[in-house]
């Protein structure tokens, strides 16, 4: 197989994976809402393991260094070593954003969902480890 065909096959595979992730995410969000959906559930619904999802994200348009770093940490369950940005710091930033949106009279449902999830992460005792631990807060049912 020549190099251009090999690249086309990789791209096709990545595109198929991303399409499966998008379909699964829409289904997961519509069933559980943004707050109740989890990366793991989306991956499972798409028929993918988390490592495959990470590989797809790393080569997508969403592949910022922070996204890549956090998805790798999520897949390897490595949240305590070399903390880059803690859950407490992320919560602080989300709280600022939500307050700012309110001051402008702008609805921010994703901000509110992120605030609730990061509050849950901190309440679980994970405020000082890497924000990537948020995947575990997403796996827990919100207190009713």
Protein backbone atom coordinates (compact mmCIF):
# COMPACT_ATOMS: atom_id res chain seq x y z
CA UNK A 1 0.00 0.00 0.00
CA UNK A 2 1.52 3.34 -0.97
CA UNK A 3 1.81 6.21 1.51
CA UNK A 4 -1.13 8.26 0.18
CA UNK A 5 -3.46 5.25 0.35
CA UNK A 6 -2.25 4.50 3.88
CA UNK A 7 -2.96 8.11 4.91
CA UNK A 8 -6.40 7.98 3.31
CA UNK A 9 -7.18 4.79 5.22
CA UNK A 10 -6.08 6.36 8.52
CA UNK A 11 -8.13 9.49 7.81
CA UNK A 12 -11.15 7.42 6.87
CA UNK A 13 -10.82 5.44 10.08
CA UNK A 14 -10.45 8.62 12.15
CA UNK A 15 -13.45 10.15 10.38
CA UNK A 16 -15.50 7.03 11.09
CA UNK A 17 -14.49 7.09 14.74
CA UNK A 18 -15.34 10.78 15.07
CA UNK A 19 -18.71 10.19 13.37
CA UNK A 20 -19.46 7.36 15.82
CA UNK A 21 -18.48 9.62 18.72
CA UNK A 22 -20.71 12.47 17.49
CA UNK A 23 -23.70 10.13 17.07
CA UNK A 24 -23.14 8.62 20.50
CA UNK A 25 -22.68 12.04 22.12
CA UNK A 26 -25.93 13.36 20.67
CA UNK A 27 -27.74 10.28 21.94
CA UNK A 28 -26.09 10.46 25.38
CA UNK A 29 -26.79 14.20 25.74
CA UNK A 30 -30.40 13.83 24.68
CA UNK A 31 -30.93 10.97 27.13
CA UNK A 32 -28.98 12.33 30.13
CA UNK A 33 -28.44 16.04 29.41
CA UNK A 34 -25.02 17.68 29.37
CA UNK A 35 -24.54 17.25 33.10
CA UNK A 36 -25.49 13.58 33.13
CA UNK A 37 -23.49 12.52 30.07
CA UNK A 38 -19.99 11.10 30.46
CA UNK A 39 -17.07 10.55 28.13
CA UNK A 40 -16.93 6.89 29.09
CA UNK A 41 -20.65 6.41 28.35
CA UNK A 42 -20.25 8.13 24.97
CA UNK A 43 -17.28 5.92 24.12
CA UNK A 44 -19.16 2.79 25.15
CA UNK A 45 -22.26 3.87 23.22
CA UNK A 46 -20.04 4.40 20.17
CA UNK A 47 -18.58 0.90 20.64
CA UNK A 48 -15.12 2.31 21.39
CA UNK A 49 -12.73 2.03 24.29
CA UNK A 50 -11.47 5.25 25.82
CA UNK A 51 -8.00 4.79 24.30
CA UNK A 52 -9.52 4.81 20.80
CA UNK A 53 -11.48 7.96 21.62
CA UNK A 54 -8.28 9.62 22.87
CA UNK A 55 -6.45 8.69 19.66
CA UNK A 56 -9.29 10.15 17.58
CA UNK A 57 -9.37 13.37 19.60
CA UNK A 58 -5.59 13.78 19.36
CA UNK A 59 -5.84 13.97 15.58
CA UNK A 60 -9.00 16.07 15.39
CA UNK A 61 -9.63 19.80 15.29
CA UNK A 62 -10.20 19.64 19.06
CA UNK A 63 -6.58 18.60 19.58
CA UNK A 64 -5.42 21.50 21.70
CA UNK A 65 -2.50 20.57 23.98
CA UNK A 66 -4.79 20.74 27.01
CA UNK A 67 -7.44 18.50 25.47
CA UNK A 68 -4.83 15.97 24.38
CA UNK A 69 -3.12 16.02 27.80
CA UNK A 70 -6.40 15.58 29.69
CA UNK A 71 -7.80 12.86 27.45
CA UNK A 72 -4.55 10.91 27.79
CA UNK A 73 -4.74 11.26 31.56
CA UNK A 74 -8.36 10.12 31.51
CA UNK A 75 -7.52 7.04 29.46
CA UNK A 76 -4.59 6.09 31.71
CA UNK A 77 -6.34 7.11 34.96
CA UNK A 78 -3.29 9.25 35.80
CA UNK A 79 -4.51 12.41 37.52
CA UNK A 80 -2.20 12.96 40.50
CA UNK A 81 1.28 13.20 38.95
CA UNK A 82 2.53 16.50 37.53
CA UNK A 83 -0.66 18.45 38.16
CA UNK A 84 -1.03 21.06 35.42
CA UNK A 85 -4.41 22.54 36.35
CA UNK A 86 -6.37 21.37 39.37
CA UNK A 87 -10.09 20.80 39.66
CA UNK A 88 -10.28 23.67 42.19
CA UNK A 89 -8.67 26.08 39.71
CA UNK A 90 -11.00 24.96 36.92
CA UNK A 91 -14.00 25.43 39.23
CA UNK A 92 -12.80 28.95 40.06
CA UNK A 93 -12.57 29.81 36.33
CA UNK A 94 -15.99 28.33 35.60
CA UNK A 95 -17.51 30.26 38.50
CA UNK A 96 -16.04 33.50 37.10
CA UNK A 97 -17.45 32.72 33.66
CA UNK A 98 -20.92 31.90 35.00
CA UNK A 99 -20.99 35.09 37.10
CA UNK A 100 -19.89 37.14 34.09
CA UNK A 101 -22.58 35.58 31.88
CA UNK A 102 -25.19 36.35 34.55
CA UNK A 103 -24.01 39.96 34.78
CA UNK A 104 -24.60 40.27 31.03
CA UNK A 105 -27.97 38.57 31.25
CA UNK A 106 -26.73 35.70 29.08
CA UNK A 107 -27.84 32.12 29.67
CA UNK A 108 -24.93 29.71 30.07
CA UNK A 109 -26.31 26.19 30.46
CA UNK A 110 -22.97 24.56 29.63
CA UNK A 111 -21.24 26.81 32.14
CA UNK A 112 -23.76 25.83 34.81
CA UNK A 113 -23.29 22.16 33.95
CA UNK A 114 -19.50 22.51 34.15
CA UNK A 115 -19.81 24.34 37.46
CA UNK A 116 -21.93 21.53 38.91
CA UNK A 117 -19.53 18.85 37.70
CA UNK A 118 -16.43 20.61 39.05
CA UNK A 119 -18.21 21.25 42.37
CA UNK A 120 -18.94 17.51 42.50
CA UNK A 121 -15.28 16.74 41.71
CA UNK A 122 -14.10 18.96 44.57
CA UNK A 123 -16.71 17.53 46.96
CA UNK A 124 -15.41 14.05 46.10
CA UNK A 125 -12.03 15.12 47.53
CA UNK A 126 -10.23 15.66 44.23
CA UNK A 127 -9.89 19.46 44.27
CA UNK A 128 -6.09 19.48 44.21
CA UNK A 129 -5.35 16.84 41.59
CA UNK A 130 -5.45 17.38 37.85
CA UNK A 131 -8.76 18.54 36.40
CA UNK A 132 -8.76 15.43 34.18
CA UNK A 133 -10.15 13.55 37.20
CA UNK A 134 -13.46 15.19 36.24
CA UNK A 135 -14.18 12.03 34.25
CA UNK A 136 -14.87 10.29 37.56
CA UNK A 137 -17.20 13.06 38.70
CA UNK A 138 -19.09 12.58 35.42
CA UNK A 139 -19.49 8.87 36.15
CA UNK A 140 -21.24 9.55 39.46
CA UNK A 141 -24.95 10.23 39.52
CA UNK A 142 -25.66 13.75 40.78
CA UNK A 143 -27.10 13.91 44.29
CA UNK A 144 -30.83 14.36 43.99
